[in-house]
Amino acid sequence: MDMDSVPSVRASWRSAAVESRQAQRGESEWQRLQEEIVACERCPRLRQYCQEVAYRKRAAYRDWKYWGRPVPNTGSPSARLLIVGLAPAAHGANRTGRMFTGDRSGQFLYRALYETGFANQPESYHRGDGLELYGVAITAVVHCAPPQNTPTPQEIQACRPFLKRTVEALLPHLRGVVALGSIAFRESLRLFREFGWIQTRVRFAHGVLYWQPPAPFLLGSYHPSQQNTFTGRLTFEMLRDVFRLAAQLLEEPIQACPEMLSSLSEFGSNGDRNEGNAGCSKLREERP
C-alpha cells in the first residue's frame, strides 16, 4: 500500500466505525422506545377498552389471540418517510399488534404503499405475513384503540411524547411526514413548529404540502377510514397519488412539484408568507 494513502484509509475506517456506532445506538433507542410504548399504562380508559375488546373479540376473529396492548411503531429507525395515523382500530391493530393491519384502512394504505414502491406486498394481515417496508415507518397519534375511534384531548396529550421521540429517533434520516387526517396533521404540525421546521400559517387539506428545506416536508391526506373511503371522499387513487408525490419528493423534489418549490421564494426572512398555504394544486382539496 502507498504510504501516502494510509491517512485517508484510516480516516475512512474511522468514519465507518462512527457510522456503525451511530446505527447501533439508533437501533437501541428505537427498541427501547418500542418497549416503552407497549408497556404504557398512562390512559386507564384506553387500557380497559383494549383489554375488553381483546376478551370479547369479534365473532369473525374468535380464534385469534388479540394483542390488546398499545401498538408499537412499524418500520425501522432508518426510515426516510414517517406516516402518522390517528389510533389503532379495535379489531385491526389492537387485534394484530401492527399498525394498520387487519382492517379496511390498512387495505387501502398498504396497497398504496406497494404501488408506490414503499412495501413489498399490497396486503397486511398479521405480524408474520412477510410484509416489508422500504424506507417507511408508521406511527400514530395515540397507540391504544379508543372507543368510537375517538381519543380524548387528554389521551392525545399523554401520547405526545411518544410521537416526538419517534420523530427524534428517525433523525437524521427523516425527509418527510405524511399525516393521515386532520388530527394527525395537527399533531405533526405541532412538532414541526417545536423543531422550527415550519413558521407559516397552515391549513389542513388533502394533498396539501408544506416544506421549508432543509427541514422535512409535511404532506397531508384524508385518513383512509371507512367513513372516508365508503363515501368516496377519499378514493384509492387519491391516496396513491399522495404517496407517489412523497416518493418523488424523496428522490426528485424539483420535478415532483415545481409550483411548490417555486413558491418557497415567496417566504420572507422570518418564514412568513401572506397566503400561508404551499402545496401541489393537483392534489390539494381543502377540508370544509
Protein backbone atom coordinates (compact mmCIF):
# COMPACT_ATOMS: atom_id res chain seq x y z
CA MET A 1 0.00 0.00 0.00
CA ASP A 2 1.22 3.50 -0.83
CA MET A 3 2.12 5.15 2.49
CA ASP A 4 0.58 8.41 1.29
CA SER A 5 -2.80 6.71 1.18
CA VAL A 6 -2.64 5.38 4.76
CA PRO A 7 -4.10 8.53 6.43
CA SER A 8 -7.09 8.57 4.07
CA VAL A 9 -7.72 4.86 4.62
CA ARG A 10 -7.59 5.32 8.37
CA ALA A 11 -9.98 8.26 8.13
CA SER A 12 -12.35 6.13 6.09
CA TRP A 13 -12.20 3.36 8.68
CA ARG A 14 -12.86 5.84 11.50
CA SER A 15 -15.82 7.28 9.61
CA ALA A 16 -17.25 3.81 9.01
CA ALA A 17 -16.79 2.95 12.69
CA VAL A 18 -18.59 6.13 13.78
CA GLU A 19 -21.48 5.41 11.41
CA SER A 20 -21.72 1.85 12.70
CA ARG A 21 -21.85 3.04 16.33
CA GLN A 22 -24.50 5.62 15.45
CA ALA A 23 -26.59 2.99 13.70
CA GLN A 24 -26.33 0.64 16.68
CA ARG A 25 -27.26 3.45 19.06
CA GLY A 26 -30.24 4.33 16.87
CA GLU A 27 -31.45 0.73 16.82
CA SER A 28 -31.08 0.54 20.60
CA GLU A 29 -33.02 3.76 21.17
CA TRP A 30 -35.74 2.61 18.74
CA GLN A 31 -36.11 -0.73 20.52
CA ARG A 32 -36.30 0.98 23.91
CA LEU A 33 -39.00 3.31 22.58
CA GLN A 34 -40.98 0.36 21.20
CA GLU A 35 -40.83 -1.44 24.53
CA GLU A 36 -41.96 1.66 26.43
CA ILE A 37 -44.91 2.13 24.08
CA VAL A 38 -46.11 -1.44 24.56
CA ALA A 39 -45.74 -1.20 28.36
CA CYS A 40 -47.54 2.17 28.65
CA GLU A 41 -50.38 2.44 31.19
CA ARG A 42 -50.94 6.21 31.10
CA CYS A 43 -54.59 6.12 29.98
CA PRO A 44 -56.82 3.83 32.11
CA ARG A 45 -59.87 4.26 29.86
CA LEU A 46 -57.96 3.12 26.78
CA ARG A 47 -56.22 0.25 28.53
CA GLN A 48 -59.55 -1.03 29.87
CA TYR A 49 -61.24 -0.72 26.49
CA CYS A 50 -58.44 -2.52 24.60
CA GLN A 51 -58.47 -5.37 27.10
CA GLU A 52 -62.27 -5.67 27.00
CA VAL A 53 -62.23 -5.83 23.19
CA ALA A 54 -59.48 -8.45 23.32
CA TYR A 55 -61.55 -10.52 25.74
CA ARG A 56 -64.92 -10.23 23.95
CA LYS A 57 -63.49 -10.40 20.42
CA ARG A 58 -65.49 -10.22 17.23
CA ALA A 59 -67.15 -13.42 16.06
CA ALA A 60 -65.07 -13.50 12.88
CA TYR A 61 -61.88 -13.48 14.99
CA ARG A 62 -62.89 -15.77 17.85
CA ASP A 63 -59.82 -17.97 17.21
CA TRP A 64 -57.43 -15.04 17.38
CA LYS A 65 -55.34 -14.16 20.41
CA TYR A 66 -55.80 -10.40 20.41
CA TRP A 67 -52.80 -8.16 21.01
CA GLY A 68 -54.82 -5.96 23.40
CA ARG A 69 -51.91 -3.65 24.29
CA PRO A 70 -50.52 -0.35 22.99
CA VAL A 71 -49.38 -0.89 19.41
CA PRO A 72 -45.71 -0.06 18.70
CA ASN A 73 -44.38 1.71 15.63
CA THR A 74 -43.95 -0.23 12.41
CA GLY A 75 -40.72 0.08 10.42
CA SER A 76 -37.12 0.89 11.31
CA PRO A 77 -35.23 3.95 12.59
CA SER A 78 -33.52 4.29 9.20
CA ALA A 79 -36.81 5.27 7.52
CA ARG A 80 -36.83 8.48 5.49
CA LEU A 81 -40.63 8.82 5.48
CA LEU A 82 -42.90 8.73 8.54
CA ILE A 83 -46.63 8.04 8.24
CA VAL A 84 -48.74 9.33 11.13
CA GLY A 85 -52.21 7.88 11.68
CA LEU A 86 -54.77 8.54 14.40
CA ALA A 87 -55.02 5.36 16.50
CA PRO A 88 -55.24 1.56 16.21
CA ALA A 89 -58.59 0.06 15.25
CA ALA A 90 -60.28 -2.07 17.91
CA HIS A 91 -60.38 -5.21 15.75
CA GLY A 92 -57.50 -4.19 13.50
CA ALA A 93 -54.15 -3.26 15.05
CA ASN A 94 -55.50 -3.91 18.55
CA ARG A 95 -56.02 -7.49 17.36
CA THR A 96 -52.88 -7.98 15.23
CA GLY A 97 -50.37 -5.81 17.08
CA ARG A 98 -49.17 -3.99 13.95
CA MET A 99 -50.17 -0.55 12.72
CA PHE A 100 -52.92 -0.50 10.06
CA THR A 101 -53.01 -4.29 9.96
CA GLY A 102 -56.22 -6.30 9.84
CA ASP A 103 -58.74 -3.62 8.87
CA ARG A 104 -60.04 -1.84 5.77
CA SER A 105 -57.93 1.26 6.38
CA GLY A 106 -54.85 -0.91 6.18
CA GLN A 107 -56.05 -2.49 2.94
CA PHE A 108 -56.13 0.97 1.39
CA LEU A 109 -52.85 2.11 2.91
CA TYR A 110 -50.64 -0.89 2.19
CA ARG A 111 -51.90 -1.24 -1.35
CA ALA A 112 -50.96 2.40 -1.92
CA LEU A 113 -47.54 1.83 -0.35
CA TYR A 114 -46.99 -1.24 -2.51
CA GLU A 115 -47.92 0.53 -5.74
CA THR A 116 -45.58 3.43 -4.96
CA GLY A 117 -42.59 1.26 -4.01
CA PHE A 118 -42.70 1.59 -0.22
CA ALA A 119 -43.76 -2.01 0.54
CA ASN A 120 -43.06 -5.49 -0.83
CA GLN A 121 -46.72 -6.59 -0.87
CA PRO A 122 -50.15 -4.94 -1.03
CA GLU A 123 -51.71 -6.79 1.92
CA SER A 124 -51.16 -6.70 5.67
CA TYR A 125 -52.96 -9.41 7.64
CA HIS A 126 -50.79 -10.22 10.67
CA ARG A 127 -47.29 -9.66 12.06
CA GLY A 128 -45.89 -12.79 10.41
CA ASP A 129 -47.24 -12.26 6.90
CA GLY A 130 -43.88 -11.29 5.36
CA LEU A 131 -44.59 -7.57 4.97
CA GLU A 132 -41.51 -5.41 4.48
CA LEU A 133 -41.46 -1.62 4.35
CA TYR A 134 -38.88 0.24 2.27
CA GLY A 135 -37.75 3.50 3.84
CA VAL A 136 -41.04 3.98 5.71
CA ALA A 137 -42.07 3.93 9.36
CA ILE A 138 -45.67 4.08 10.60
CA THR A 139 -46.83 5.53 13.90
CA ALA A 140 -49.99 7.01 15.40
CA VAL A 141 -51.10 9.98 17.48
CA VAL A 142 -52.45 7.51 20.05
CA HIS A 143 -51.10 3.97 20.40
CA CYS A 144 -54.19 2.39 22.03
CA ALA A 145 -57.52 1.75 20.31
CA PRO A 146 -60.06 4.32 21.59
CA PRO A 147 -63.84 3.80 21.91
CA GLN A 148 -65.65 5.06 18.80
CA ASN A 149 -62.22 5.71 17.27
CA THR A 150 -62.13 8.97 19.24
CA PRO A 151 -59.35 9.63 21.76
CA THR A 152 -59.88 12.44 24.24
CA PRO A 153 -57.66 15.54 24.24
CA GLN A 154 -56.08 14.27 27.47
CA GLU A 155 -55.24 10.93 25.84
CA ILE A 156 -53.73 12.65 22.82
CA GLN A 157 -51.61 14.77 25.14
CA ALA A 158 -50.48 11.72 27.12
CA CYS A 159 -49.21 10.07 23.92
CA ARG A 160 -47.44 13.15 22.50
CA PRO A 161 -44.04 12.27 23.99
CA PHE A 162 -44.07 9.01 22.00
CA LEU A 163 -44.67 10.86 18.73
CA LYS A 164 -41.88 13.31 19.48
CA ARG A 165 -39.46 10.52 20.41
CA THR A 166 -40.41 8.64 17.25
CA VAL A 167 -39.51 11.64 15.10
CA GLU A 168 -36.28 12.19 17.05
CA ALA A 169 -35.34 8.52 16.63
CA LEU A 170 -35.66 8.84 12.85
CA LEU A 171 -33.27 11.78 12.63
CA PRO A 172 -31.05 12.40 10.70
CA HIS A 173 -32.64 10.10 8.09
CA LEU A 174 -36.14 11.64 8.17
CA ARG A 175 -37.02 13.56 5.00
CA GLY A 176 -40.80 13.80 5.20
CA VAL A 177 -44.02 13.10 7.10
CA VAL A 178 -47.38 12.05 5.67
CA ALA A 179 -50.17 12.84 8.12
CA LEU A 180 -53.41 10.88 7.65
CA GLY A 181 -56.34 13.01 8.77
CA SER A 182 -56.74 16.38 10.41
CA ILE A 183 -55.79 15.27 13.95
CA ALA A 184 -52.60 13.56 12.77
CA PHE A 185 -51.81 16.65 10.69
CA ARG A 186 -52.39 18.95 13.67
CA GLU A 187 -50.16 16.88 15.96
CA SER A 188 -47.46 16.61 13.30
CA LEU A 189 -47.64 20.35 12.74
CA ARG A 190 -47.22 20.92 16.48
CA LEU A 191 -43.95 19.00 16.32
CA PHE A 192 -42.81 20.77 13.16
CA ARG A 193 -43.28 24.10 14.90
CA GLU A 194 -41.46 22.85 18.00
CA PHE A 195 -38.49 21.75 15.88
CA GLY A 196 -38.56 25.03 13.93
CA TRP A 197 -39.36 23.28 10.65
CA ILE A 198 -42.46 25.37 9.82
CA GLN A 199 -43.22 29.00 10.64
CA THR A 200 -46.03 29.64 8.14
CA ARG A 201 -49.77 29.70 8.75
CA VAL A 202 -51.07 26.23 7.96
CA ARG A 203 -54.45 24.81 6.98
CA PHE A 204 -55.20 21.11 6.63
CA ALA A 205 -56.32 19.83 3.24
CA HIS A 206 -55.98 16.64 1.27
CA GLY A 207 -52.70 16.72 -0.63
CA VAL A 208 -51.51 19.92 0.97
CA LEU A 209 -47.73 20.18 1.18
CA TYR A 210 -45.65 22.36 3.49
CA TRP A 211 -41.91 22.41 3.19
CA GLN A 212 -39.07 24.70 4.17
CA PRO A 213 -35.83 22.95 3.11
CA PRO A 214 -33.62 21.59 4.50
CA ALA A 215 -36.28 20.53 7.02
CA PRO A 216 -38.52 17.51 6.31
CA PHE A 217 -41.72 18.13 4.37
CA LEU A 218 -45.23 17.74 5.81
CA LEU A 219 -47.81 16.25 3.45
CA GLY A 220 -51.48 15.94 4.41
CA SER A 221 -54.04 13.36 3.34
CA TYR A 222 -57.53 12.38 4.30
CA HIS A 223 -57.47 9.36 6.58
CA PRO A 224 -58.33 6.04 4.83
CA SER A 225 -61.16 5.39 7.30
CA GLN A 226 -64.27 3.56 6.16
CA GLN A 227 -66.22 6.79 6.58
CA ASN A 228 -63.99 8.48 4.01
CA THR A 229 -63.49 5.57 1.62
CA PHE A 230 -67.10 4.34 1.56
CA THR A 231 -68.42 7.82 0.82
CA GLY A 232 -65.83 8.45 -1.89
CA ARG A 233 -64.32 11.39 -0.09
CA LEU A 234 -61.02 9.51 -0.34
CA THR A 235 -60.51 7.17 -3.28
CA PHE A 236 -57.65 4.74 -3.63
CA GLU A 237 -56.25 6.81 -6.48
CA MET A 238 -56.21 9.91 -4.27
CA LEU A 239 -54.27 8.12 -1.55
CA ARG A 240 -51.87 6.52 -4.03
CA ASP A 241 -51.16 9.92 -5.57
CA VAL A 242 -50.20 11.29 -2.16
CA PHE A 243 -47.57 8.58 -1.72
CA ARG A 244 -46.48 8.92 -5.31
CA LEU A 245 -45.77 12.58 -4.59
CA ALA A 246 -43.99 11.64 -1.34
CA ALA A 247 -41.76 9.21 -3.26
CA GLN A 248 -40.94 11.89 -5.82
CA LEU A 249 -40.16 14.42 -3.09
CA LEU A 250 -37.71 11.99 -1.52
CA GLU A 251 -35.86 11.46 -4.81
CA GLU A 252 -36.53 14.41 -7.16
CA PRO A 253 -38.19 17.27 -5.23
CA ILE A 254 -37.98 19.86 -8.01
CA GLN A 255 -39.60 17.58 -10.58
CA ALA A 256 -42.17 16.38 -8.03
CA CYS A 257 -43.87 19.71 -7.50
CA PRO A 258 -42.33 22.67 -9.34
CA GLU A 259 -45.06 25.09 -8.29
CA MET A 260 -44.45 24.33 -4.62
CA LEU A 261 -40.68 24.69 -4.95
CA SER A 262 -41.04 27.98 -6.77
CA SER A 263 -43.36 29.23 -4.03
CA LEU A 264 -40.53 28.94 -1.49
CA SER A 265 -39.13 32.20 -2.83
CA GLU A 266 -42.26 33.91 -1.52
CA PHE A 267 -41.24 33.31 2.12
CA GLY A 268 -39.79 36.23 3.98
CA SER A 269 -36.73 36.11 6.21
CA ASN A 270 -38.96 35.20 9.17
CA GLY A 271 -40.61 32.34 7.26
CA ASP A 272 -43.99 34.07 6.90
CA ARG A 273 -45.97 34.13 3.70
CA ASN A 274 -49.15 36.10 3.15
CA GLU A 275 -51.44 33.33 1.94
CA GLY A 276 -49.82 30.80 4.29
CA ASN A 277 -50.54 27.80 2.07
CA ALA A 278 -47.94 25.98 -0.02
CA GLY A 279 -48.80 22.83 -1.86
CA CYS A 280 -49.48 21.00 -5.08
CA SER A 281 -52.79 22.15 -6.52
CA LYS A 282 -53.17 18.89 -8.44
CA LEU A 283 -53.63 17.09 -5.10
CA ARG A 284 -54.99 19.75 -2.80
CA GLU A 285 -58.61 19.56 -1.69
CA GLU A 286 -59.42 21.81 1.23
CA ARG A 287 -61.35 20.41 4.15
CA PRO A 288 -64.72 22.07 4.70
